Amino acid sequence: MSGNVLEQLSATIRERRSVPSDTSYTRQLLDSGVERCAKKFGEEAVEVIIAAMGQSDENLRNEAADVLYHLLVLLEVRGVCFADVLCVLEMRTGRSGLEEKASRSS
């Protein structure tokens, strides 16, 4: 699998803004607005937790994929570029997690 599958998925989600909503679940989500997309992301996050606590690895993988998809939809509906999120992660690379957290609280 390609290392940039999330970037490709993000681009596909962006492209779905221009397809008919009766043929695209993604378009329906985008049209429903931030609140609905955030709620759906939250639901998927809870499903990841449930899967992690006692379901099979396969279920956890599937739920994790769902949460990543819904995160990308949420970013798109808010107009936040996925590449910008990747830049934040890149800037954090090589820093202690404790150091990074401390820098945000000041």
Protein backbone atom coordinates (compact mmCIF):
# COMPACT_ATOMS: atom_id res chain seq x y z
CA MET A 1 0.00 0.00 0.00
CA SER A 2 1.23 3.44 -0.88
CA GLY A 3 2.62 5.60 1.89
CA ASN A 4 0.48 8.52 0.82
CA VAL A 5 -2.89 6.75 0.89
CA LEU A 6 -4.25 9.33 3.35
CA GLU A 7 -3.20 12.18 1.05
CA GLN A 8 -4.93 10.41 -1.85
CA LEU A 9 -8.06 9.87 0.25
CA SER A 10 -8.03 13.52 1.27
CA ALA A 11 -7.88 14.55 -2.40
CA THR A 12 -10.74 12.19 -3.25
CA ILE A 13 -12.86 13.67 -0.44
CA ARG A 14 -12.13 17.18 -1.77
CA GLU A 15 -13.17 16.06 -5.27
CA ARG A 16 -16.45 14.67 -3.95
CA ARG A 17 -17.65 18.24 -3.34
CA SER A 18 -18.40 18.42 -7.07
CA VAL A 19 -20.31 15.16 -7.57
CA PRO A 20 -24.07 14.71 -7.15
CA SER A 21 -25.07 14.03 -3.57
CA ASP A 22 -27.32 11.16 -4.60
CA THR A 23 -24.23 9.21 -5.73
CA SER A 24 -21.76 10.08 -2.97
CA TYR A 25 -21.93 9.43 0.77
CA THR A 26 -18.98 11.76 1.18
CA ARG A 27 -20.84 14.58 -0.57
CA GLN A 28 -23.84 13.97 1.66
CA LEU A 29 -21.63 14.28 4.73
CA LEU A 30 -19.98 17.45 3.43
CA ASP A 31 -23.37 18.96 2.65
CA SER A 32 -24.61 18.16 6.14
CA GLY A 33 -22.12 20.59 7.70
CA VAL A 34 -19.56 20.70 10.47
CA GLU A 35 -21.81 19.59 13.31
CA ARG A 36 -22.93 16.40 11.57
CA CYS A 37 -19.39 15.58 10.42
CA ALA A 38 -18.02 16.17 13.92
CA LYS A 39 -20.72 13.98 15.42
CA LYS A 40 -19.99 11.21 12.93
CA PHE A 41 -16.26 11.44 13.68
CA GLY A 42 -17.02 11.16 17.40
CA GLU A 43 -19.22 8.11 16.84
CA GLU A 44 -16.44 6.44 14.88
CA ALA A 45 -13.88 7.30 17.56
CA VAL A 46 -16.07 5.60 20.18
CA GLU A 47 -16.32 2.54 17.92
CA VAL A 48 -12.51 2.41 17.77
CA ILE A 49 -12.36 2.46 21.57
CA ILE A 50 -14.93 -0.33 21.83
CA ALA A 51 -13.06 -2.41 19.26
CA ALA A 52 -9.75 -1.82 21.05
CA MET A 53 -11.19 -2.91 24.37
CA GLY A 54 -12.46 -6.29 23.32
CA GLN A 55 -13.04 -6.98 19.66
CA SER A 56 -10.89 -8.67 17.06
CA ASP A 57 -7.88 -7.05 15.42
CA GLU A 58 -9.84 -7.07 12.16
CA ASN A 59 -12.66 -5.06 13.74
CA LEU A 60 -10.14 -2.62 15.19
CA ARG A 61 -8.48 -2.16 11.78
CA ASN A 62 -11.86 -1.53 10.14
CA GLU A 63 -12.95 0.95 12.79
CA ALA A 64 -9.57 2.71 12.64
CA ALA A 65 -9.98 3.10 8.88
CA ASP A 66 -13.46 4.56 9.44
CA VAL A 67 -12.16 7.07 11.98
CA LEU A 68 -9.38 8.21 9.64
CA TYR A 69 -11.87 8.68 6.79
CA HIS A 70 -14.24 10.66 8.98
CA LEU A 71 -11.39 12.80 10.31
CA LEU A 72 -10.46 13.71 6.73
CA VAL A 73 -14.11 14.55 5.98
CA LEU A 74 -14.23 16.76 9.08
CA LEU A 75 -11.06 18.56 8.04
CA GLU A 76 -12.49 19.11 4.55
CA VAL A 77 -15.82 20.45 5.76
CA ARG A 78 -13.93 22.91 7.98
CA GLY A 79 -11.58 23.88 5.14
CA VAL A 80 -8.49 22.65 6.97
CA CYS A 81 -5.91 21.29 4.56
CA PHE A 82 -4.66 17.80 5.40
CA ALA A 83 -1.19 18.82 4.20
CA ASP A 84 -1.16 21.46 6.94
CA VAL A 85 -1.91 18.78 9.54
CA LEU A 86 0.98 16.74 8.16
CA CYS A 87 3.23 19.81 8.49
CA VAL A 88 2.32 20.08 12.18
CA LEU A 89 3.22 16.42 12.66
CA GLU A 90 6.48 16.91 10.79
CA MET A 91 7.42 19.85 13.03
CA ARG A 92 6.77 17.67 16.07
CA THR A 93 8.94 14.84 14.77
CA GLY A 94 12.06 14.42 16.83
CA ARG A 95 10.67 16.27 19.82
CA SER A 96 9.76 14.62 23.06
CA GLY A 97 6.01 14.30 23.45
CA LEU A 98 6.34 15.81 26.91
CA GLU A 99 8.34 18.75 25.54
CA GLU A 100 5.82 19.30 22.74
CA LYS A 101 2.85 19.26 25.14
CA ALA A 102 4.60 21.69 27.48
CA SER A 103 5.22 24.12 24.61
CA ARG A 104 1.48 24.22 23.79
CA SER A 105 0.44 25.07 27.34
CA SER A 106 2.64 28.15 27.60
